[in-house]
N, C-alpha and C. Protein backbone atom coordinates (compact mmCIF):
# COMPACT_ATOMS: atom_id res chain seq x y z
N MET A 1 43.28 31.26 1.98
CA MET A 1 41.96 31.61 2.45
C MET A 1 40.96 31.29 1.33
N THR A 2 39.84 30.72 1.72
CA THR A 2 38.77 30.43 0.77
C THR A 2 37.93 31.66 0.53
N VAL A 3 37.70 31.98 -0.72
CA VAL A 3 36.82 33.09 -1.08
C VAL A 3 35.42 32.52 -1.29
N LEU A 4 34.47 33.06 -0.56
CA LEU A 4 33.10 32.58 -0.67
C LEU A 4 32.38 33.27 -1.81
N SER A 5 31.59 32.50 -2.52
CA SER A 5 30.82 33.06 -3.63
C SER A 5 29.65 33.87 -3.09
N THR A 6 29.11 34.71 -3.93
CA THR A 6 27.93 35.49 -3.57
C THR A 6 26.78 34.57 -3.17
N ARG A 7 26.61 33.46 -3.89
CA ARG A 7 25.55 32.51 -3.56
C ARG A 7 25.74 31.90 -2.18
N VAL A 8 26.96 31.51 -1.85
CA VAL A 8 27.23 30.93 -0.52
C VAL A 8 26.96 31.97 0.56
N LEU A 9 27.39 33.19 0.35
CA LEU A 9 27.12 34.25 1.32
C LEU A 9 25.62 34.48 1.48
N ASN A 10 24.90 34.49 0.36
CA ASN A 10 23.45 34.68 0.38
C ASN A 10 22.77 33.56 1.15
N ARG A 11 23.12 32.33 0.85
CA ARG A 11 22.52 31.17 1.53
C ARG A 11 22.83 31.20 3.03
N THR A 12 24.05 31.57 3.37
CA THR A 12 24.45 31.65 4.78
C THR A 12 23.60 32.68 5.51
N PHE A 13 23.42 33.84 4.88
CA PHE A 13 22.59 34.89 5.46
C PHE A 13 21.15 34.40 5.65
N LEU A 14 20.60 33.77 4.64
CA LEU A 14 19.22 33.26 4.75
C LEU A 14 19.08 32.24 5.87
N HIS A 15 20.06 31.36 6.01
CA HIS A 15 20.01 30.37 7.10
C HIS A 15 20.10 31.07 8.46
N ARG A 16 21.02 32.02 8.58
CA ARG A 16 21.18 32.74 9.85
C ARG A 16 19.91 33.49 10.23
N GLN A 17 19.22 34.03 9.25
CA GLN A 17 18.00 34.78 9.51
C GLN A 17 16.75 33.88 9.55
N LEU A 18 16.95 32.56 9.47
CA LEU A 18 15.87 31.57 9.50
C LEU A 18 14.92 31.74 8.32
N LEU A 19 15.46 32.19 7.19
CA LEU A 19 14.62 32.43 6.01
C LEU A 19 14.87 31.44 4.88
N ALA A 20 15.75 30.48 5.08
CA ALA A 20 16.07 29.53 4.01
C ALA A 20 14.93 28.55 3.77
N GLU A 21 14.17 28.27 4.81
CA GLU A 21 13.03 27.36 4.66
C GLU A 21 12.04 27.63 5.78
N ARG A 22 10.78 27.43 5.46
CA ARG A 22 9.73 27.57 6.47
C ARG A 22 9.52 26.21 7.10
N ILE A 23 9.91 26.09 8.36
CA ILE A 23 9.68 24.86 9.12
C ILE A 23 8.99 25.26 10.42
N PRO A 24 8.36 24.32 11.10
CA PRO A 24 7.68 24.68 12.35
C PRO A 24 8.68 25.22 13.39
N ARG A 25 8.46 26.45 13.80
CA ARG A 25 9.26 27.08 14.85
C ARG A 25 8.32 27.94 15.67
N ASP A 26 8.53 27.99 16.97
CA ASP A 26 7.66 28.86 17.76
C ASP A 26 8.24 30.27 17.76
N PRO A 27 7.37 31.28 17.85
CA PRO A 27 7.82 32.67 17.77
C PRO A 27 8.86 33.05 18.82
N ALA A 28 8.76 32.51 20.02
CA ALA A 28 9.75 32.86 21.06
C ALA A 28 11.15 32.42 20.64
N THR A 29 11.25 31.25 20.05
CA THR A 29 12.54 30.75 19.58
C THR A 29 13.09 31.63 18.46
N ILE A 30 12.22 32.05 17.56
CA ILE A 30 12.64 32.91 16.45
C ILE A 30 13.16 34.24 16.98
N VAL A 31 12.41 34.88 17.85
CA VAL A 31 12.81 36.18 18.39
C VAL A 31 14.13 36.04 19.16
N GLU A 32 14.25 34.99 19.94
CA GLU A 32 15.47 34.78 20.71
C GLU A 32 16.67 34.57 19.78
N ARG A 33 16.50 33.78 18.75
CA ARG A 33 17.59 33.50 17.80
C ARG A 33 18.02 34.76 17.05
N LEU A 34 17.07 35.59 16.64
CA LEU A 34 17.38 36.77 15.86
C LEU A 34 17.77 37.98 16.72
N VAL A 35 17.52 37.93 18.00
CA VAL A 35 17.77 38.97 18.99
C VAL A 35 16.78 40.12 18.85
N ALA A 36 16.57 40.61 17.64
CA ALA A 36 15.60 41.69 17.43
C ALA A 36 14.91 41.48 16.09
N VAL A 37 13.59 41.59 16.11
CA VAL A 37 12.77 41.42 14.90
C VAL A 37 12.10 42.76 14.60
N GLN A 38 12.19 43.20 13.35
CA GLN A 38 11.61 44.47 12.94
C GLN A 38 10.14 44.54 13.35
N GLY A 39 9.78 45.62 14.01
CA GLY A 39 8.41 45.79 14.47
C GLY A 39 7.90 47.20 14.30
N GLN A 40 8.49 47.94 13.36
CA GLN A 40 8.09 49.34 13.16
C GLN A 40 6.62 49.45 12.75
N GLU A 41 6.22 48.63 11.81
CA GLU A 41 4.82 48.59 11.40
C GLU A 41 4.12 47.47 12.18
N PRO A 42 2.85 47.64 12.54
CA PRO A 42 2.17 46.63 13.36
C PRO A 42 2.18 45.22 12.78
N ASP A 43 2.11 45.08 11.45
CA ASP A 43 2.06 43.74 10.88
C ASP A 43 3.44 43.15 10.58
N SER A 44 4.51 43.96 10.66
CA SER A 44 5.85 43.48 10.31
C SER A 44 6.29 42.24 11.08
N PRO A 45 6.17 42.21 12.40
CA PRO A 45 6.63 41.01 13.10
C PRO A 45 5.80 39.77 12.75
N TYR A 46 4.54 39.97 12.48
CA TYR A 46 3.68 38.83 12.12
C TYR A 46 4.08 38.27 10.75
N LEU A 47 4.37 39.17 9.81
CA LEU A 47 4.83 38.72 8.50
C LEU A 47 6.19 38.05 8.61
N GLY A 48 7.06 38.61 9.44
CA GLY A 48 8.38 38.02 9.66
C GLY A 48 8.29 36.62 10.26
N MET A 49 7.38 36.44 11.20
CA MET A 49 7.19 35.11 11.80
C MET A 49 6.64 34.13 10.77
N TRP A 50 5.67 34.58 9.99
CA TRP A 50 5.08 33.71 8.97
C TRP A 50 6.15 33.27 7.97
N ALA A 51 7.05 34.17 7.58
CA ALA A 51 8.09 33.85 6.61
C ALA A 51 9.07 32.82 7.15
N ARG A 52 9.15 32.69 8.47
CA ARG A 52 10.14 31.81 9.08
C ARG A 52 9.56 30.52 9.63
N SER A 53 8.25 30.46 9.82
CA SER A 53 7.65 29.29 10.47
C SER A 53 6.43 28.80 9.71
N SER A 54 6.47 27.53 9.32
CA SER A 54 5.33 26.97 8.58
C SER A 54 4.10 26.79 9.46
N GLY A 55 4.29 26.76 10.76
CA GLY A 55 3.14 26.57 11.65
C GLY A 55 2.73 27.82 12.39
N PHE A 56 3.19 28.98 11.94
CA PHE A 56 2.92 30.21 12.68
C PHE A 56 1.44 30.55 12.72
N GLN A 57 1.00 30.89 13.93
CA GLN A 57 -0.34 31.41 14.16
C GLN A 57 -0.20 32.78 14.84
N PRO A 58 -0.84 33.80 14.31
CA PRO A 58 -0.69 35.15 14.87
C PRO A 58 -0.94 35.23 16.38
N ASN A 59 -1.89 34.46 16.87
CA ASN A 59 -2.18 34.51 18.31
C ASN A 59 -1.02 34.03 19.16
N ASP A 60 -0.13 33.20 18.59
CA ASP A 60 1.04 32.74 19.34
C ASP A 60 1.96 33.91 19.67
N LEU A 61 2.19 34.79 18.70
CA LEU A 61 3.03 35.97 18.95
C LEU A 61 2.29 36.97 19.84
N ALA A 62 1.01 37.15 19.60
CA ALA A 62 0.22 38.07 20.43
C ALA A 62 0.26 37.66 21.90
N ALA A 63 0.20 36.36 22.17
CA ALA A 63 0.25 35.87 23.55
C ALA A 63 1.60 36.19 24.19
N LEU A 64 2.68 36.07 23.43
CA LEU A 64 4.01 36.38 23.97
C LEU A 64 4.14 37.86 24.29
N LEU A 65 3.54 38.70 23.47
CA LEU A 65 3.55 40.13 23.74
C LEU A 65 2.67 40.45 24.95
N HIS A 66 1.53 39.80 25.02
CA HIS A 66 0.59 40.04 26.13
C HIS A 66 1.20 39.65 27.48
N ASP A 67 1.89 38.50 27.52
CA ASP A 67 2.47 38.08 28.81
C ASP A 67 3.88 38.63 29.04
N ARG A 68 4.34 39.47 28.11
CA ARG A 68 5.62 40.18 28.20
C ARG A 68 6.85 39.27 28.14
N THR A 69 6.68 38.10 27.53
CA THR A 69 7.84 37.26 27.23
C THR A 69 8.64 37.95 26.12
N VAL A 70 7.92 38.60 25.21
CA VAL A 70 8.49 39.38 24.13
C VAL A 70 7.99 40.81 24.28
N VAL A 71 8.89 41.78 24.07
CA VAL A 71 8.52 43.19 24.21
C VAL A 71 8.80 43.92 22.90
N ARG A 72 8.08 45.01 22.68
CA ARG A 72 8.27 45.87 21.51
C ARG A 72 8.78 47.20 22.03
N ALA A 73 9.93 47.64 21.51
CA ALA A 73 10.53 48.87 22.00
C ALA A 73 11.45 49.47 20.95
N ALA A 74 11.78 50.76 21.14
CA ALA A 74 12.76 51.41 20.28
C ALA A 74 14.13 50.85 20.62
N LEU A 75 14.78 50.28 19.60
CA LEU A 75 16.11 49.69 19.83
C LEU A 75 17.07 50.09 18.72
N LEU A 76 17.24 49.23 17.76
CA LEU A 76 18.21 49.44 16.69
C LEU A 76 17.80 50.61 15.82
N ARG A 77 18.72 51.54 15.61
CA ARG A 77 18.47 52.71 14.78
C ARG A 77 17.27 53.53 15.28
N GLY A 78 16.87 53.32 16.51
CA GLY A 78 15.75 54.06 17.07
C GLY A 78 14.40 53.61 16.58
N THR A 79 14.34 52.50 15.86
CA THR A 79 13.05 52.00 15.36
C THR A 79 12.54 50.89 16.26
N GLN A 80 11.27 50.60 16.11
CA GLN A 80 10.61 49.59 16.92
C GLN A 80 11.04 48.18 16.51
N HIS A 81 11.42 47.40 17.50
CA HIS A 81 11.79 46.01 17.28
C HIS A 81 11.18 45.17 18.40
N LEU A 82 11.00 43.88 18.12
CA LEU A 82 10.60 42.93 19.14
C LEU A 82 11.84 42.19 19.60
N CYS A 83 11.93 41.97 20.89
CA CYS A 83 13.00 41.15 21.45
C CYS A 83 12.45 40.46 22.70
N THR A 84 13.17 39.47 23.18
CA THR A 84 12.73 38.83 24.41
C THR A 84 12.90 39.81 25.56
N ALA A 85 12.12 39.64 26.59
CA ALA A 85 12.24 40.52 27.75
C ALA A 85 13.63 40.40 28.36
N ASP A 86 14.19 39.19 28.38
CA ASP A 86 15.55 39.01 28.91
C ASP A 86 16.58 39.77 28.08
N ASP A 87 16.46 39.74 26.75
CA ASP A 87 17.40 40.47 25.90
C ASP A 87 17.22 41.98 26.05
N TYR A 88 16.00 42.42 26.26
CA TYR A 88 15.74 43.85 26.42
C TYR A 88 16.53 44.42 27.60
N LEU A 89 16.69 43.62 28.64
CA LEU A 89 17.40 44.09 29.84
C LEU A 89 18.85 44.47 29.55
N TRP A 90 19.48 43.86 28.57
CA TRP A 90 20.84 44.27 28.21
C TRP A 90 20.88 45.13 26.94
N LEU A 91 19.90 44.94 26.03
CA LEU A 91 19.90 45.72 24.80
C LEU A 91 19.62 47.20 25.05
N ARG A 92 18.62 47.51 25.84
CA ARG A 92 18.24 48.90 26.05
C ARG A 92 19.38 49.73 26.63
N PRO A 93 20.03 49.28 27.70
CA PRO A 93 21.17 50.06 28.20
C PRO A 93 22.30 50.19 27.17
N THR A 94 22.47 49.16 26.35
CA THR A 94 23.51 49.20 25.32
C THR A 94 23.25 50.31 24.31
N PHE A 95 22.00 50.51 23.93
CA PHE A 95 21.64 51.51 22.93
C PHE A 95 21.19 52.84 23.51
N GLU A 96 21.11 52.95 24.82
CA GLU A 96 20.52 54.13 25.46
C GLU A 96 21.14 55.45 24.99
N ASP A 97 22.46 55.56 25.01
CA ASP A 97 23.09 56.83 24.62
C ASP A 97 22.75 57.20 23.17
N ALA A 98 22.81 56.24 22.28
CA ALA A 98 22.49 56.51 20.87
C ALA A 98 21.03 56.91 20.72
N LEU A 99 20.14 56.26 21.44
CA LEU A 99 18.72 56.58 21.35
C LEU A 99 18.44 58.00 21.86
N VAL A 100 19.10 58.38 22.93
CA VAL A 100 18.93 59.74 23.47
C VAL A 100 19.44 60.76 22.46
N ARG A 101 20.60 60.48 21.84
CA ARG A 101 21.12 61.41 20.82
C ARG A 101 20.16 61.51 19.64
N MET A 102 19.63 60.39 19.19
CA MET A 102 18.69 60.41 18.06
C MET A 102 17.43 61.19 18.41
N ALA A 103 16.94 61.01 19.62
CA ALA A 103 15.73 61.71 20.05
C ALA A 103 15.99 63.22 20.08
N GLY A 104 17.15 63.63 20.54
CA GLY A 104 17.49 65.04 20.57
C GLY A 104 17.59 65.63 19.17
N ARG A 105 18.18 64.87 18.26
CA ARG A 105 18.30 65.32 16.87
C ARG A 105 16.93 65.47 16.24
N ALA A 106 16.05 64.52 16.51
CA ALA A 106 14.70 64.59 15.95
C ALA A 106 13.96 65.81 16.48
N GLY A 107 14.15 66.13 17.75
CA GLY A 107 13.50 67.28 18.33
C GLY A 107 13.97 68.59 17.71
N ARG A 108 15.27 68.67 17.40
CA ARG A 108 15.81 69.88 16.77
C ARG A 108 15.33 70.01 15.33
N MET A 109 15.08 68.89 14.67
CA MET A 109 14.65 68.93 13.28
C MET A 109 13.21 69.44 13.16
N THR A 110 12.39 69.18 14.16
CA THR A 110 10.99 69.58 14.08
C THR A 110 10.75 70.96 14.67
N GLY A 111 11.71 71.50 15.40
CA GLY A 111 11.50 72.75 16.11
C GLY A 111 11.90 73.97 15.38
């Protein structure tokens, strides 16, 4: 078995996350490829798109959110993420039980 170096693992991760180089990519393709893009803070997805696409324009992502091609919802770890509307249809039911448990825990912590 080949043992991969830390550098090879790092480079592989950067390529998988579309962070190895900024080349022209449209936001819909990026969101679809990554499945979920961090969206907890309002500017996070815009910064994430900029880091991945040399031609990114904020209005391109805003248009996808406006026409609901891309949605923002509580998903992974109960935090806000952007995903395609098609992916949301299978992601939300997949995480539903965990999200309900997290919401219940949060309610007990504040009460």
